[in-house]
């Protein structure tokens, strides 16, 4: 248990239980590694340099602000299956590579779940990120596009 201090005061507000989830830390680390590998490949293929945030916006349709919040330990935002799907599809991962991340997020892709099935098929077929976002919207009703084409 850690003590929390009231803002502007030296008084302790009370004990707060802070739980460390090693899987979420491992997930953030593995996501950083996957992005670095994909970005390096992109730079080689295109003979250019690109920053991490423009790369994520272009390939994964994930904004800088969203990525920072998802990777931060101080925000309650966690990598949802939708966002992790966007990342995996955008990076062009294999199903096995994606399942390693999904396992750390909460469980491997399950083809009986509509969203997971869409992610699975998009990974298998190497869909682009915009087609993937459109399919998620069409079959689940969820609009996950950060940037429109």
C-alpha atoms as a PDB file:
ATOM      1  CA  UNK A   1       0.000   0.000   0.000  1.00  0.00           C
ATOM      2  CA  UNK A   2       1.151   3.482  -0.833  1.00  0.00           C
ATOM      3  CA  UNK A   3       0.137   6.693   0.803  1.00  0.00           C
ATOM      4  CA  UNK A   4      -1.404   9.427  -1.294  1.00  0.00           C
ATOM      5  CA  UNK A   5      -0.701  13.041  -0.415  1.00  0.00           C
ATOM      6  CA  UNK A   6      -3.365  15.688  -0.756  1.00  0.00           C
ATOM      7  CA  UNK A   7      -2.445  18.309  -3.326  1.00  0.00           C
ATOM      8  CA  UNK A   8      -0.978  21.402  -1.684  1.00  0.00           C
ATOM      9  CA  UNK A   9      -0.723  19.699   1.684  1.00  0.00           C
ATOM     10  CA  UNK A  10       1.767  17.588   3.568  1.00  0.00           C
ATOM     11  CA  UNK A  11      -1.061  15.529   5.050  1.00  0.00           C
ATOM     12  CA  UNK A  12      -1.650  11.979   3.982  1.00  0.00           C
ATOM     13  CA  UNK A  13      -5.075  11.338   2.502  1.00  0.00           C
ATOM     14  CA  UNK A  14      -4.974   7.615   3.188  1.00  0.00           C
ATOM     15  CA  UNK A  15      -3.575   4.317   1.939  1.00  0.00           C
ATOM     16  CA  UNK A  16      -4.169   3.313  -1.661  1.00  0.00           C
ATOM     17  CA  UNK A  17      -3.531  -0.147  -3.053  1.00  0.00           C
ATOM     18  CA  UNK A  18      -1.549   0.086  -6.293  1.00  0.00           C
ATOM     19  CA  UNK A  19      -1.506  -3.237  -8.116  1.00  0.00           C
ATOM     20  CA  UNK A  20       1.203  -3.926 -10.644  1.00  0.00           C
ATOM     21  CA  UNK A  21       0.101  -6.035 -13.581  1.00  0.00           C
ATOM     22  CA  UNK A  22       3.183  -7.659 -15.125  1.00  0.00           C
ATOM     23  CA  UNK A  23       1.205  -8.663 -18.217  1.00  0.00           C
ATOM     24  CA  UNK A  24       0.328  -5.041 -19.028  1.00  0.00           C
ATOM     25  CA  UNK A  25       3.977  -4.006 -18.613  1.00  0.00           C
ATOM     26  CA  UNK A  26       5.047  -6.898 -20.833  1.00  0.00           C
ATOM     27  CA  UNK A  27       2.373  -5.952 -23.376  1.00  0.00           C
ATOM     28  CA  UNK A  28       3.599  -2.353 -23.559  1.00  0.00           C
ATOM     29  CA  UNK A  29       7.179  -3.562 -24.001  1.00  0.00           C
ATOM     30  CA  UNK A  30       6.224  -6.054 -26.741  1.00  0.00           C
ATOM     31  CA  UNK A  31       4.175  -3.388 -28.525  1.00  0.00           C
ATOM     32  CA  UNK A  32       7.174  -1.048 -28.539  1.00  0.00           C
ATOM     33  CA  UNK A  33       9.341  -3.825 -29.975  1.00  0.00           C
ATOM     34  CA  UNK A  34       6.811  -4.691 -32.686  1.00  0.00           C
ATOM     35  CA  UNK A  35       6.504  -1.046 -33.715  1.00  0.00           C
ATOM     36  CA  UNK A  36      10.278  -0.625 -33.861  1.00  0.00           C
ATOM     37  CA  UNK A  37      10.654  -3.682 -36.110  1.00  0.00           C
ATOM     38  CA  UNK A  38       7.833  -2.628 -38.448  1.00  0.00           C
ATOM     39  CA  UNK A  39       9.062   0.961 -38.585  1.00  0.00           C
ATOM     40  CA  UNK A  40      12.617  -0.116 -39.401  1.00  0.00           C
ATOM     41  CA  UNK A  41      11.279  -2.304 -42.212  1.00  0.00           C
ATOM     42  CA  UNK A  42       9.130   0.568 -43.507  1.00  0.00           C
ATOM     43  CA  UNK A  43      12.144   2.888 -43.538  1.00  0.00           C
ATOM     44  CA  UNK A  44      14.222   0.315 -45.430  1.00  0.00           C
ATOM     45  CA  UNK A  45      11.473  -0.410 -47.952  1.00  0.00           C
ATOM     46  CA  UNK A  46      10.790   3.270 -48.606  1.00  0.00           C
ATOM     47  CA  UNK A  47      14.366   4.554 -48.252  1.00  0.00           C
ATOM     48  CA  UNK A  48      13.170   7.246 -45.856  1.00  0.00           C
ATOM     49  CA  UNK A  49      13.056   8.114 -42.172  1.00  0.00           C
ATOM     50  CA  UNK A  50       9.733   8.469 -40.347  1.00  0.00           C
ATOM     51  CA  UNK A  51       8.929   9.336 -36.745  1.00  0.00           C
ATOM     52  CA  UNK A  52       7.028   6.869 -34.609  1.00  0.00           C
ATOM     53  CA  UNK A  53       3.847   8.955 -34.425  1.00  0.00           C
ATOM     54  CA  UNK A  54       3.487   9.695 -38.145  1.00  0.00           C
ATOM     55  CA  UNK A  55       4.238   6.008 -38.751  1.00  0.00           C
ATOM     56  CA  UNK A  56       1.461   4.893 -36.377  1.00  0.00           C
ATOM     57  CA  UNK A  57      -0.983   7.368 -37.884  1.00  0.00           C
ATOM     58  CA  UNK A  58      -0.235   6.232 -41.431  1.00  0.00           C
ATOM     59  CA  UNK A  59       0.014   2.478 -40.912  1.00  0.00           C
ATOM     60  CA  UNK A  60      -2.272   1.834 -37.931  1.00  0.00           C
ATOM     61  CA  UNK A  61      -4.714   4.749 -37.911  1.00  0.00           C
ATOM     62  CA  UNK A  62      -3.735   5.456 -34.288  1.00  0.00           C
ATOM     63  CA  UNK A  63      -3.165   9.053 -33.194  1.00  0.00           C
ATOM     64  CA  UNK A  64      -0.170  10.180 -31.180  1.00  0.00           C
ATOM     65  CA  UNK A  65      -2.353  11.124 -28.221  1.00  0.00           C
ATOM     66  CA  UNK A  66      -4.137   7.766 -28.196  1.00  0.00           C
ATOM     67  CA  UNK A  67      -0.890   5.819 -28.430  1.00  0.00           C
ATOM     68  CA  UNK A  68       0.687   7.767 -25.588  1.00  0.00           C
ATOM     69  CA  UNK A  69      -2.340   7.174 -23.362  1.00  0.00           C
ATOM     70  CA  UNK A  70      -2.480   3.466 -24.177  1.00  0.00           C
ATOM     71  CA  UNK A  71       1.218   3.028 -23.396  1.00  0.00           C
ATOM     72  CA  UNK A  72       1.180   5.169 -20.245  1.00  0.00           C
ATOM     73  CA  UNK A  73       0.979   3.618 -16.805  1.00  0.00           C
ATOM     74  CA  UNK A  74      -0.727   6.667 -15.300  1.00  0.00           C
ATOM     75  CA  UNK A  75      -3.867   6.515 -17.450  1.00  0.00           C
ATOM     76  CA  UNK A  76      -6.596   3.963 -16.896  1.00  0.00           C
ATOM     77  CA  UNK A  77      -6.795   3.452 -20.666  1.00  0.00           C
ATOM     78  CA  UNK A  78      -5.575   0.037 -21.572  1.00  0.00           C
ATOM     79  CA  UNK A  79      -5.044  -1.643 -24.881  1.00  0.00           C
ATOM     80  CA  UNK A  80      -8.532  -2.763 -25.863  1.00  0.00           C
ATOM     81  CA  UNK A  81      -8.980  -5.580 -28.366  1.00  0.00           C
ATOM     82  CA  UNK A  82     -10.119  -3.049 -30.965  1.00  0.00           C
ATOM     83  CA  UNK A  83      -7.015  -0.881 -30.532  1.00  0.00           C
ATOM     84  CA  UNK A  84      -4.690  -3.856 -30.373  1.00  0.00           C
ATOM     85  CA  UNK A  85      -6.365  -5.193 -33.522  1.00  0.00           C
ATOM     86  CA  UNK A  86      -5.727  -1.873 -35.270  1.00  0.00           C
ATOM     87  CA  UNK A  87      -2.090  -2.016 -34.249  1.00  0.00           C
ATOM     88  CA  UNK A  88      -1.575  -5.627 -35.343  1.00  0.00           C
ATOM     89  CA  UNK A  89      -3.381  -5.216 -38.679  1.00  0.00           C
ATOM     90  CA  UNK A  90      -1.642  -1.911 -39.385  1.00  0.00           C
ATOM     91  CA  UNK A  91       1.782  -3.378 -38.662  1.00  0.00           C
ATOM     92  CA  UNK A  92       1.031  -6.331 -40.957  1.00  0.00           C
ATOM     93  CA  UNK A  93       1.623  -8.905 -38.242  1.00  0.00           C
ATOM     94  CA  UNK A  94       1.112 -12.614 -38.673  1.00  0.00           C
ATOM     95  CA  UNK A  95      -1.673 -14.292 -36.706  1.00  0.00           C
ATOM     96  CA  UNK A  96       0.904 -15.927 -34.413  1.00  0.00           C
ATOM     97  CA  UNK A  97       2.666 -12.604 -33.735  1.00  0.00           C
ATOM     98  CA  UNK A  98      -0.662 -10.925 -32.993  1.00  0.00           C
ATOM     99  CA  UNK A  99      -1.752 -13.757 -30.706  1.00  0.00           C
ATOM    100  CA  UNK A 100       1.383 -13.233 -28.604  1.00  0.00           C
ATOM    101  CA  UNK A 101       0.202  -9.665 -27.938  1.00  0.00           C
ATOM    102  CA  UNK A 102      -3.438 -10.653 -27.468  1.00  0.00           C
ATOM    103  CA  UNK A 103      -2.392 -13.284 -24.933  1.00  0.00           C
ATOM    104  CA  UNK A 104      -0.753 -10.530 -22.858  1.00  0.00           C
ATOM    105  CA  UNK A 105      -3.848  -8.340 -23.316  1.00  0.00           C
ATOM    106  CA  UNK A 106      -6.283 -10.945 -22.014  1.00  0.00           C
ATOM    107  CA  UNK A 107      -6.468 -13.922 -24.335  1.00  0.00           C
ATOM    108  CA  UNK A 108      -5.681 -15.160 -27.825  1.00  0.00           C
ATOM    109  CA  UNK A 109      -7.976 -14.332 -30.722  1.00  0.00           C
ATOM    110  CA  UNK A 110     -11.190 -16.317 -30.467  1.00  0.00           C
ATOM    111  CA  UNK A 111     -12.906 -16.919 -33.792  1.00  0.00           C
ATOM    112  CA  UNK A 112     -16.313 -17.252 -32.127  1.00  0.00           C
ATOM    113  CA  UNK A 113     -16.137 -13.571 -31.130  1.00  0.00           C
ATOM    114  CA  UNK A 114     -17.195 -11.238 -33.980  1.00  0.00           C
ATOM    115  CA  UNK A 115     -14.436  -8.666 -33.423  1.00  0.00           C
ATOM    116  CA  UNK A 116     -11.763 -11.327 -33.012  1.00  0.00           C
ATOM    117  CA  UNK A 117     -12.937 -13.049 -36.202  1.00  0.00           C
ATOM    118  CA  UNK A 118     -12.636  -9.754 -38.119  1.00  0.00           C
ATOM    119  CA  UNK A 119      -9.136  -9.217 -36.711  1.00  0.00           C
ATOM    120  CA  UNK A 120      -8.175 -12.800 -37.545  1.00  0.00           C
ATOM    121  CA  UNK A 121      -9.387 -12.507 -41.153  1.00  0.00           C
ATOM    122  CA  UNK A 122      -7.752  -9.095 -41.608  1.00  0.00           C
ATOM    123  CA  UNK A 123      -4.430 -10.481 -40.388  1.00  0.00           C
ATOM    124  CA  UNK A 124      -4.763 -13.587 -42.548  1.00  0.00           C
ATOM    125  CA  UNK A 125      -5.674 -11.574 -45.653  1.00  0.00           C
ATOM    126  CA  UNK A 126      -3.184  -8.741 -44.923  1.00  0.00           C
ATOM    127  CA  UNK A 127      -5.967  -6.113 -45.127  1.00  0.00           C
ATOM    128  CA  UNK A 128      -5.030  -2.455 -45.033  1.00  0.00           C
ATOM    129  CA  UNK A 129      -6.024  -0.503 -41.948  1.00  0.00           C
ATOM    130  CA  UNK A 130      -8.885   1.407 -43.588  1.00  0.00           C
ATOM    131  CA  UNK A 131     -10.556  -1.761 -44.897  1.00  0.00           C
ATOM    132  CA  UNK A 132     -10.196  -3.267 -41.445  1.00  0.00           C
ATOM    133  CA  UNK A 133     -11.813  -0.243 -39.765  1.00  0.00           C
ATOM    134  CA  UNK A 134     -14.691  -0.352 -42.271  1.00  0.00           C
ATOM    135  CA  UNK A 135     -15.275  -4.059 -41.591  1.00  0.00           C
ATOM    136  CA  UNK A 136     -15.318  -3.479 -37.845  1.00  0.00           C
ATOM    137  CA  UNK A 137     -17.901  -0.736 -38.340  1.00  0.00           C
ATOM    138  CA  UNK A 138     -19.989  -2.854 -40.719  1.00  0.00           C
ATOM    139  CA  UNK A 139     -20.070  -6.015 -38.591  1.00  0.00           C
ATOM    140  CA  UNK A 140     -19.949  -4.644 -35.041  1.00  0.00           C
ATOM    141  CA  UNK A 141     -21.284  -1.098 -35.384  1.00  0.00           C
ATOM    142  CA  UNK A 142     -18.146   0.322 -33.747  1.00  0.00           C
ATOM    143  CA  UNK A 143     -16.355   3.199 -35.500  1.00  0.00           C
ATOM    144  CA  UNK A 144     -12.673   2.781 -34.693  1.00  0.00           C
ATOM    145  CA  UNK A 145     -11.187   5.085 -37.338  1.00  0.00           C
ATOM    146  CA  UNK A 146      -9.076   7.896 -35.944  1.00  0.00           C
ATOM    147  CA  UNK A 147      -8.371   9.389 -39.347  1.00  0.00           C
ATOM    148  CA  UNK A 148     -10.557   9.118 -42.411  1.00  0.00           C
ATOM    149  CA  UNK A 149      -9.043   8.261 -45.811  1.00  0.00           C
END
